[in-house]
Amino acid sequence: MPQVFLSAFAGAGAQFFDNNGVILSGGKIYTYAAGTTTPAATYTSSSGNTAHTNPIILDSAGRVPGGEIWLPLAANYKFTVETSSGILLGTYDNIGTIAAGSAFLATFTGNGAQLAFTLPTPPVDENATNLYVNGVYQQKNTYSIAGTTLTFSQSPPFISSIEIMYF
């Protein structure tokens, strides 16, 4: 199950209308990977256990069933909104999530030889990290991140305190 966050597009409780202000009962929201027409899954809750249908069919009040759209944190999406008869009302591209209000924190102890450490969850990307060794900020070119693996270009010193804060 993916780590998911509330969508910046119709995340919670949004109501949709057609171009004349009429409630978009039975309207459709198609979800794609950003910049493409490749369908992409969205989720019904913060657990990330249940995917929405694609398209998401709006209820009689013009709302997403269950009221929420959740997306994987590191992914951007394209949304298209159509009437129940398939008339395109709008396309919205490169939409991400509303990130959680607090950062993740992981701590490790260097042993003078180890280069790779495993984070509990993957960061959005390397630019969403702040890494410190013995309280000293580390430049981005001194480490890399692939998924949940943090790899140093040189092993941190023996008994060094390693702290990484990230989104």
N, C-alpha and C. Protein backbone atom coordinates (compact mmCIF):
# COMPACT_ATOMS: atom_id res chain seq x y z
N MET A 1 0.85 -1.17 0.00
CA MET A 1 0.00 0.00 0.00
C MET A 1 0.90 1.24 0.00
N PRO A 2 0.57 2.21 -0.82
CA PRO A 2 1.42 3.41 -0.92
C PRO A 2 1.18 4.38 0.24
N GLN A 3 2.20 5.19 0.50
CA GLN A 3 2.04 6.29 1.45
C GLN A 3 1.30 7.39 0.70
N VAL A 4 0.14 7.83 1.21
CA VAL A 4 -0.69 8.79 0.49
C VAL A 4 -0.97 10.03 1.32
N PHE A 5 -1.22 11.13 0.60
CA PHE A 5 -1.56 12.40 1.22
C PHE A 5 -2.73 13.00 0.45
N LEU A 6 -3.44 13.92 1.07
CA LEU A 6 -4.61 14.53 0.48
C LEU A 6 -4.26 15.25 -0.81
N SER A 7 -5.06 15.07 -1.84
CA SER A 7 -4.84 15.71 -3.13
C SER A 7 -5.12 17.21 -3.05
N ALA A 8 -4.27 17.99 -3.72
CA ALA A 8 -4.51 19.43 -3.81
C ALA A 8 -5.69 19.73 -4.74
N PHE A 9 -6.11 18.76 -5.54
CA PHE A 9 -7.27 18.90 -6.42
C PHE A 9 -8.43 18.15 -5.77
N ALA A 10 -9.43 18.86 -5.32
CA ALA A 10 -10.65 18.26 -4.76
C ALA A 10 -10.35 17.30 -3.62
N GLY A 11 -9.35 17.61 -2.83
CA GLY A 11 -8.92 16.72 -1.78
C GLY A 11 -10.01 16.26 -0.83
N ALA A 12 -10.73 17.18 -0.24
CA ALA A 12 -11.77 16.80 0.73
C ALA A 12 -13.00 17.68 0.57
N GLY A 13 -14.13 17.05 0.34
CA GLY A 13 -15.41 17.75 0.35
C GLY A 13 -15.71 18.67 -0.81
N ALA A 14 -14.91 18.66 -1.85
CA ALA A 14 -15.15 19.57 -2.99
C ALA A 14 -16.46 19.21 -3.69
N GLN A 15 -17.12 20.22 -4.20
CA GLN A 15 -18.35 20.03 -4.97
C GLN A 15 -18.11 20.58 -6.36
N PHE A 16 -18.56 19.86 -7.37
CA PHE A 16 -18.35 20.24 -8.77
C PHE A 16 -19.64 20.69 -9.42
N PHE A 17 -19.49 21.66 -10.35
CA PHE A 17 -20.61 22.23 -11.08
C PHE A 17 -20.25 22.28 -12.56
N ASP A 18 -21.26 22.31 -13.42
CA ASP A 18 -20.97 22.48 -14.84
C ASP A 18 -20.74 23.97 -15.12
N ASN A 19 -20.53 24.32 -16.38
CA ASN A 19 -20.22 25.71 -16.74
C ASN A 19 -21.39 26.67 -16.53
N ASN A 20 -22.59 26.13 -16.28
CA ASN A 20 -23.77 26.97 -16.01
C ASN A 20 -24.10 27.04 -14.52
N GLY A 21 -23.23 26.47 -13.69
CA GLY A 21 -23.45 26.50 -12.25
C GLY A 21 -24.38 25.41 -11.74
N VAL A 22 -24.70 24.44 -12.59
CA VAL A 22 -25.57 23.34 -12.18
C VAL A 22 -24.70 22.24 -11.55
N ILE A 23 -25.18 21.66 -10.46
CA ILE A 23 -24.44 20.59 -9.78
C ILE A 23 -24.11 19.49 -10.78
N LEU A 24 -22.87 19.01 -10.75
CA LEU A 24 -22.37 18.03 -11.72
C LEU A 24 -22.69 16.60 -11.27
N SER A 25 -23.97 16.31 -11.12
CA SER A 25 -24.42 14.99 -10.72
C SER A 25 -23.99 13.96 -11.78
N GLY A 26 -23.32 12.90 -11.35
CA GLY A 26 -22.87 11.88 -12.28
C GLY A 26 -21.66 12.29 -13.12
N GLY A 27 -21.08 13.46 -12.81
CA GLY A 27 -19.89 13.90 -13.54
C GLY A 27 -18.74 12.92 -13.34
N LYS A 28 -17.72 13.07 -14.18
CA LYS A 28 -16.60 12.13 -14.17
C LYS A 28 -15.29 12.88 -13.96
N ILE A 29 -14.44 12.32 -13.10
CA ILE A 29 -13.08 12.82 -12.92
C ILE A 29 -12.13 11.70 -13.33
N TYR A 30 -11.40 11.94 -14.40
CA TYR A 30 -10.38 10.98 -14.85
C TYR A 30 -9.05 11.38 -14.23
N THR A 31 -8.26 10.39 -13.83
CA THR A 31 -6.98 10.66 -13.20
C THR A 31 -5.86 9.99 -13.99
N TYR A 32 -4.82 10.78 -14.29
CA TYR A 32 -3.69 10.33 -15.10
C TYR A 32 -2.37 10.75 -14.46
N ALA A 33 -1.31 10.07 -14.86
CA ALA A 33 0.02 10.55 -14.50
C ALA A 33 0.19 11.92 -15.15
N ALA A 34 0.82 12.86 -14.45
CA ALA A 34 0.97 14.23 -14.95
C ALA A 34 1.55 14.24 -16.35
N GLY A 35 0.98 15.08 -17.22
CA GLY A 35 1.48 15.29 -18.56
C GLY A 35 1.20 14.15 -19.52
N THR A 36 0.37 13.18 -19.11
CA THR A 36 0.12 12.01 -19.97
C THR A 36 -1.36 11.70 -20.03
N THR A 37 -1.67 10.63 -20.75
CA THR A 37 -3.01 10.04 -20.72
C THR A 37 -2.93 8.63 -20.15
N THR A 38 -1.91 8.39 -19.35
CA THR A 38 -1.75 7.09 -18.68
C THR A 38 -2.54 7.13 -17.37
N PRO A 39 -3.57 6.28 -17.26
CA PRO A 39 -4.38 6.29 -16.04
C PRO A 39 -3.51 6.07 -14.80
N ALA A 40 -3.86 6.77 -13.71
CA ALA A 40 -3.13 6.65 -12.45
C ALA A 40 -4.13 6.51 -11.31
N ALA A 41 -3.83 5.60 -10.40
CA ALA A 41 -4.74 5.32 -9.27
C ALA A 41 -4.74 6.46 -8.26
N THR A 42 -5.92 6.74 -7.72
CA THR A 42 -6.08 7.62 -6.56
C THR A 42 -6.76 6.78 -5.49
N TYR A 43 -6.79 7.27 -4.27
CA TYR A 43 -7.26 6.44 -3.16
C TYR A 43 -8.37 7.13 -2.38
N THR A 44 -9.19 6.32 -1.73
CA THR A 44 -10.38 6.81 -1.06
C THR A 44 -10.14 7.32 0.36
N SER A 45 -8.97 6.95 0.94
CA SER A 45 -8.69 7.37 2.32
C SER A 45 -7.20 7.43 2.57
N SER A 46 -6.84 7.92 3.74
CA SER A 46 -5.43 8.06 4.12
C SER A 46 -4.71 6.73 4.29
N SER A 47 -5.44 5.63 4.37
CA SER A 47 -4.80 4.32 4.50
C SER A 47 -4.16 3.88 3.19
N GLY A 48 -4.66 4.40 2.05
CA GLY A 48 -4.14 3.99 0.74
C GLY A 48 -4.50 2.56 0.39
N ASN A 49 -5.48 1.98 1.07
CA ASN A 49 -5.86 0.58 0.83
C ASN A 49 -6.81 0.39 -0.34
N THR A 50 -7.68 1.38 -0.60
CA THR A 50 -8.72 1.21 -1.60
C THR A 50 -8.60 2.29 -2.66
N ALA A 51 -8.48 1.85 -3.91
CA ALA A 51 -8.39 2.80 -5.03
C ALA A 51 -9.78 3.25 -5.45
N HIS A 52 -9.87 4.50 -5.89
CA HIS A 52 -11.10 4.99 -6.53
C HIS A 52 -11.24 4.30 -7.88
N THR A 53 -12.45 4.32 -8.41
CA THR A 53 -12.63 3.92 -9.81
C THR A 53 -12.01 5.01 -10.67
N ASN A 54 -11.68 4.68 -11.89
CA ASN A 54 -11.16 5.69 -12.83
C ASN A 54 -11.91 5.53 -14.14
N PRO A 55 -12.89 6.42 -14.39
CA PRO A 55 -13.09 7.70 -13.73
C PRO A 55 -13.80 7.56 -12.38
N ILE A 56 -13.61 8.59 -11.57
CA ILE A 56 -14.38 8.74 -10.34
C ILE A 56 -15.73 9.31 -10.76
N ILE A 57 -16.82 8.66 -10.40
CA ILE A 57 -18.16 9.15 -10.75
C ILE A 57 -18.70 9.95 -9.57
N LEU A 58 -19.01 11.20 -9.82
CA LEU A 58 -19.51 12.09 -8.77
C LEU A 58 -20.92 11.69 -8.35
N ASP A 59 -21.25 11.89 -7.08
CA ASP A 59 -22.57 11.54 -6.58
C ASP A 59 -23.61 12.59 -6.99
N SER A 60 -24.83 12.45 -6.53
CA SER A 60 -25.91 13.35 -6.93
C SER A 60 -25.69 14.79 -6.47
N ALA A 61 -24.81 14.99 -5.49
CA ALA A 61 -24.49 16.33 -5.01
C ALA A 61 -23.25 16.90 -5.70
N GLY A 62 -22.72 16.17 -6.70
CA GLY A 62 -21.53 16.62 -7.41
C GLY A 62 -20.25 16.47 -6.61
N ARG A 63 -20.25 15.53 -5.68
CA ARG A 63 -19.08 15.31 -4.83
C ARG A 63 -18.48 13.92 -5.09
N VAL A 64 -17.19 13.80 -4.76
CA VAL A 64 -16.51 12.51 -4.85
C VAL A 64 -17.12 11.57 -3.82
N PRO A 65 -17.47 10.33 -4.20
CA PRO A 65 -17.99 9.39 -3.20
C PRO A 65 -16.99 9.22 -2.06
N GLY A 66 -17.47 9.33 -0.84
CA GLY A 66 -16.57 9.26 0.32
C GLY A 66 -15.93 10.60 0.64
N GLY A 67 -16.01 11.55 -0.29
CA GLY A 67 -15.59 12.92 -0.04
C GLY A 67 -14.12 13.24 -0.16
N GLU A 68 -13.24 12.25 -0.43
CA GLU A 68 -11.81 12.53 -0.42
C GLU A 68 -11.08 11.88 -1.60
N ILE A 69 -10.00 12.55 -2.03
CA ILE A 69 -9.08 11.99 -3.02
C ILE A 69 -7.69 12.04 -2.41
N TRP A 70 -7.02 10.89 -2.34
CA TRP A 70 -5.68 10.76 -1.79
C TRP A 70 -4.73 10.29 -2.87
N LEU A 71 -3.50 10.84 -2.87
CA LEU A 71 -2.49 10.54 -3.88
C LEU A 71 -1.18 10.12 -3.22
N PRO A 72 -0.38 9.31 -3.92
CA PRO A 72 0.97 9.04 -3.41
C PRO A 72 1.75 10.36 -3.33
N LEU A 73 2.54 10.52 -2.31
CA LEU A 73 3.23 11.78 -2.04
C LEU A 73 4.13 12.23 -3.17
N ALA A 74 4.88 11.35 -3.75
CA ALA A 74 5.90 11.75 -4.72
C ALA A 74 5.37 11.86 -6.15
N ALA A 75 4.08 11.71 -6.36
CA ALA A 75 3.54 11.69 -7.72
C ALA A 75 2.73 12.96 -8.02
N ASN A 76 2.82 13.43 -9.25
CA ASN A 76 1.94 14.50 -9.73
C ASN A 76 0.94 13.89 -10.69
N TYR A 77 -0.22 14.50 -10.76
CA TYR A 77 -1.34 13.95 -11.53
C TYR A 77 -1.90 14.97 -12.51
N LYS A 78 -2.63 14.43 -13.50
CA LYS A 78 -3.47 15.26 -14.37
C LYS A 78 -4.90 14.79 -14.13
N PHE A 79 -5.80 15.75 -13.92
CA PHE A 79 -7.22 15.46 -13.72
C PHE A 79 -8.01 16.07 -14.87
N THR A 80 -8.97 15.33 -15.38
CA THR A 80 -9.92 15.92 -16.33
C THR A 80 -11.32 15.74 -15.74
N VAL A 81 -12.14 16.76 -15.90
CA VAL A 81 -13.49 16.74 -15.37
C VAL A 81 -14.44 16.82 -16.56
N GLU A 82 -15.40 15.89 -16.57
CA GLU A 82 -16.38 15.82 -17.65
C GLU A 82 -17.79 15.73 -17.07
N THR A 83 -18.75 16.09 -17.90
CA THR A 83 -20.15 15.88 -17.53
C THR A 83 -20.44 14.38 -17.60
N SER A 84 -21.62 14.00 -17.14
CA SER A 84 -22.01 12.58 -17.19
C SER A 84 -22.10 12.08 -18.63
N SER A 85 -22.31 13.00 -19.58
CA SER A 85 -22.37 12.60 -21.00
C SER A 85 -21.03 12.73 -21.71
N GLY A 86 -19.96 13.03 -20.97
CA GLY A 86 -18.62 13.03 -21.55
C GLY A 86 -18.14 14.35 -22.12
N ILE A 87 -18.81 15.46 -21.83
CA ILE A 87 -18.36 16.77 -22.31
C ILE A 87 -17.26 17.28 -21.38
N LEU A 88 -16.10 17.58 -21.94
CA LEU A 88 -14.96 18.04 -21.15
C LEU A 88 -15.22 19.43 -20.58
N LEU A 89 -15.06 19.56 -19.26
CA LEU A 89 -15.22 20.85 -18.59
C LEU A 89 -13.89 21.48 -18.21
N GLY A 90 -12.87 20.65 -17.99
CA GLY A 90 -11.58 21.21 -17.60
C GLY A 90 -10.51 20.14 -17.46
N THR A 91 -9.27 20.57 -17.66
CA THR A 91 -8.10 19.72 -17.47
C THR A 91 -7.15 20.45 -16.53
N TYR A 92 -6.64 19.73 -15.56
CA TYR A 92 -5.76 20.32 -14.54
C TYR A 92 -4.54 19.41 -14.42
N ASP A 93 -3.36 19.95 -14.73
CA ASP A 93 -2.16 19.11 -14.84
C ASP A 93 -1.12 19.49 -13.78
N ASN A 94 -0.26 18.53 -13.48
CA ASN A 94 0.85 18.69 -12.52
C ASN A 94 0.35 19.05 -11.12
N ILE A 95 -0.67 18.31 -10.67
CA ILE A 95 -1.25 18.52 -9.36
C ILE A 95 -0.66 17.49 -8.40
N GLY A 96 -0.21 17.97 -7.25
CA GLY A 96 0.37 17.08 -6.25
C GLY A 96 -0.52 16.98 -5.03
N THR A 97 0.12 16.81 -3.89
CA THR A 97 -0.60 16.60 -2.65
C THR A 97 -0.46 17.81 -1.72
N ILE A 98 -1.28 17.80 -0.72
CA ILE A 98 -1.13 18.72 0.40
C ILE A 98 -0.34 17.93 1.42
N ALA A 99 0.95 18.23 1.54
CA ALA A 99 1.83 17.44 2.40
C ALA A 99 1.45 17.58 3.86
N ALA A 100 1.78 16.56 4.61
CA ALA A 100 1.52 16.56 6.04
C ALA A 100 2.26 17.72 6.70
N GLY A 101 1.76 18.16 7.82
CA GLY A 101 2.33 19.31 8.49
C GLY A 101 3.65 19.08 9.20
N SER A 102 4.09 17.84 9.33
CA SER A 102 5.34 17.61 10.02
C SER A 102 6.27 16.73 9.19
N ALA A 103 7.54 16.94 9.37
CA ALA A 103 8.56 16.18 8.65
C ALA A 103 8.80 14.85 9.34
N PHE A 104 9.37 13.92 8.58
CA PHE A 104 9.84 12.66 9.14
C PHE A 104 11.23 12.90 9.70
N LEU A 105 11.60 12.14 10.70
CA LEU A 105 12.93 12.24 11.30
C LEU A 105 13.48 10.83 11.46
N ALA A 106 14.70 10.62 10.99
CA ALA A 106 15.38 9.33 11.19
C ALA A 106 16.76 9.61 11.75
N THR A 107 17.19 8.78 12.67
CA THR A 107 18.52 8.94 13.27
C THR A 107 19.29 7.63 13.18
N PHE A 108 20.59 7.75 13.00
CA PHE A 108 21.47 6.59 12.89
C PHE A 108 22.77 6.93 13.61
N THR A 109 23.60 5.91 13.82
CA THR A 109 24.93 6.10 14.36
C THR A 109 25.93 5.54 13.36
N GLY A 110 26.88 6.37 12.96
CA GLY A 110 27.91 5.93 12.02
C GLY A 110 28.89 4.98 12.69
N ASN A 111 29.45 4.04 11.91
CA ASN A 111 30.43 3.11 12.47
C ASN A 111 31.79 3.22 11.78
N GLY A 112 31.94 4.23 10.93
CA GLY A 112 33.21 4.43 10.25
C GLY A 112 33.37 3.65 8.97
N ALA A 113 32.44 2.72 8.70
CA ALA A 113 32.55 1.89 7.49
C ALA A 113 31.26 1.87 6.67
N GLN A 114 30.13 1.94 7.33
CA GLN A 114 28.83 1.81 6.67
C GLN A 114 28.53 3.03 5.81
N LEU A 115 28.15 2.79 4.54
CA LEU A 115 27.78 3.86 3.61
C LEU A 115 26.26 4.01 3.48
N ALA A 116 25.51 2.90 3.56
CA ALA A 116 24.08 2.91 3.28
C ALA A 116 23.26 2.70 4.55
N PHE A 117 22.18 3.47 4.67
CA PHE A 117 21.27 3.39 5.80
C PHE A 117 19.85 3.34 5.25
N THR A 118 18.95 2.65 5.94
CA THR A 118 17.57 2.50 5.47
C THR A 118 16.63 3.42 6.23
N LEU A 119 15.95 4.30 5.49
CA LEU A 119 14.96 5.21 6.08
C LEU A 119 13.64 4.47 6.28
N PRO A 120 12.83 4.87 7.25
CA PRO A 120 11.54 4.20 7.46
C PRO A 120 10.55 4.41 6.32
N THR A 121 10.60 5.56 5.65
CA THR A 121 9.74 5.85 4.51
C THR A 121 10.57 6.63 3.50
N PRO A 122 10.21 6.58 2.22
CA PRO A 122 11.00 7.33 1.24
C PRO A 122 10.67 8.82 1.26
N PRO A 123 11.67 9.69 1.11
CA PRO A 123 11.40 11.11 0.96
C PRO A 123 10.81 11.41 -0.41
N VAL A 124 10.21 12.58 -0.55
CA VAL A 124 9.68 13.00 -1.85
C VAL A 124 10.81 12.97 -2.88
N ASP A 125 11.91 13.58 -2.56
CA ASP A 125 13.14 13.53 -3.35
C ASP A 125 14.27 14.08 -2.49
N GLU A 126 15.47 14.04 -3.01
CA GLU A 126 16.64 14.48 -2.25
C GLU A 126 16.52 15.95 -1.81
N ASN A 127 15.86 16.78 -2.61
CA ASN A 127 15.72 18.19 -2.26
C ASN A 127 14.79 18.42 -1.08
N ALA A 128 14.05 17.39 -0.68
CA ALA A 128 13.15 17.51 0.47
C ALA A 128 13.80 16.95 1.73
N THR A 129 15.15 16.93 1.75
CA THR A 129 15.88 16.38 2.89
C THR A 129 16.82 17.42 3.50
N ASN A 130 17.05 17.29 4.79
CA ASN A 130 18.08 18.03 5.51
C ASN A 130 18.82 17.01 6.35
N LEU A 131 20.11 16.83 6.04
CA LEU A 131 20.91 15.80 6.67
C LEU A 131 22.04 16.42 7.49
N TYR A 132 22.22 15.91 8.71
CA TYR A 132 23.25 16.41 9.61
C TYR A 132 24.08 15.24 10.13
N VAL A 133 25.40 15.42 10.18
CA VAL A 133 26.30 14.47 10.83
C VAL A 133 27.00 15.23 11.94
N ASN A 134 26.83 14.74 13.16
CA ASN A 134 27.34 15.41 14.36
C ASN A 134 26.92 16.88 14.40
N GLY A 135 25.67 17.14 13.99
CA GLY A 135 25.12 18.50 14.04
C GLY A 135 25.54 19.40 12.90
N VAL A 136 26.34 18.90 11.96
CA VAL A 136 26.81 19.71 10.83
C VAL A 136 26.00 19.35 9.58
N TYR A 137 25.39 20.37 8.96
CA TYR A 137 24.60 20.17 7.75
C TYR A 137 25.47 19.57 6.65
N GLN A 138 24.94 18.60 5.93
CA GLN A 138 25.66 17.94 4.83
C GLN A 138 25.12 18.43 3.49
N GLN A 139 26.01 18.83 2.62
CA GLN A 139 25.63 19.26 1.28
C GLN A 139 25.02 18.09 0.51
N LYS A 140 24.11 18.39 -0.42
CA LYS A 140 23.41 17.35 -1.19
C LYS A 140 24.38 16.48 -2.00
N ASN A 141 25.55 17.00 -2.36
CA ASN A 141 26.48 16.20 -3.17
C ASN A 141 27.28 15.21 -2.33
N THR A 142 27.01 15.13 -1.02
CA THR A 142 27.73 14.18 -0.16
C THR A 142 26.93 12.90 0.10
N TYR A 143 25.70 12.85 -0.43
CA TYR A 143 24.86 11.66 -0.25
C TYR A 143 23.85 11.59 -1.38
N SER A 144 23.24 10.41 -1.50
CA SER A 144 22.16 10.22 -2.48
C SER A 144 21.06 9.41 -1.81
N ILE A 145 19.87 9.50 -2.39
CA ILE A 145 18.73 8.75 -1.87
C ILE A 145 18.03 8.07 -3.03
N ALA A 146 17.81 6.77 -2.87
CA ALA A 146 17.04 5.98 -3.84
C ALA A 146 16.01 5.18 -3.04
N GLY A 147 14.74 5.56 -3.20
CA GLY A 147 13.70 4.91 -2.40
C GLY A 147 13.92 5.21 -0.93
N THR A 148 14.11 4.15 -0.13
CA THR A 148 14.36 4.33 1.31
C THR A 148 15.84 4.20 1.66
N THR A 149 16.71 4.11 0.65
CA THR A 149 18.14 3.94 0.92
C THR A 149 18.88 5.27 0.84
N LEU A 150 19.49 5.64 1.96
CA LEU A 150 20.35 6.82 2.06
C LEU A 150 21.78 6.32 1.94
N THR A 151 22.51 6.83 0.94
CA THR A 151 23.89 6.38 0.72
C THR A 151 24.83 7.57 0.75
N PHE A 152 25.83 7.49 1.62
CA PHE A 152 26.86 8.53 1.72
C PHE A 152 27.97 8.26 0.70
N SER A 153 28.61 9.33 0.21
CA SER A 153 29.76 9.16 -0.69
C SER A 153 30.99 8.73 0.10
N GLN A 154 31.05 9.09 1.38
CA GLN A 154 32.10 8.63 2.31
C GLN A 154 31.41 8.24 3.60
N SER A 155 31.86 7.18 4.21
CA SER A 155 31.19 6.71 5.42
C SER A 155 31.34 7.73 6.55
N PRO A 156 30.26 7.96 7.28
CA PRO A 156 30.33 8.86 8.44
C PRO A 156 31.29 8.28 9.48
N PRO A 157 31.94 9.13 10.25
CA PRO A 157 32.91 8.68 11.24
C PRO A 157 32.32 7.74 12.30
N PHE A 158 33.21 6.99 12.93
CA PHE A 158 32.84 6.08 14.02
C PHE A 158 32.12 6.85 15.13
N ILE A 159 31.04 6.32 15.60
CA ILE A 159 30.15 6.87 16.64
C ILE A 159 29.62 8.27 16.29
N SER A 160 29.47 8.56 15.02
CA SER A 160 28.90 9.86 14.64
C SER A 160 27.39 9.80 14.72
N SER A 161 26.80 10.92 15.07
CA SER A 161 25.35 11.05 15.14
C SER A 161 24.85 11.52 13.77
N ILE A 162 23.95 10.74 13.17
CA ILE A 162 23.39 11.06 11.85
C ILE A 162 21.91 11.34 12.04
N GLU A 163 21.46 12.49 11.55
CA GLU A 163 20.05 12.86 11.67
C GLU A 163 19.59 13.38 10.32
N ILE A 164 18.47 12.83 9.83
CA ILE A 164 17.89 13.31 8.58
C ILE A 164 16.43 13.66 8.82
N MET A 165 16.06 14.87 8.42
CA MET A 165 14.68 15.32 8.47
C MET A 165 14.23 15.45 7.01
N TYR A 166 13.02 14.96 6.73
CA TYR A 166 12.55 14.97 5.33
C TYR A 166 11.04 14.91 5.24
N PHE A 167 10.58 15.26 4.05
CA PHE A 167 9.16 15.12 3.70
C PHE A 167 9.04 14.03 2.68
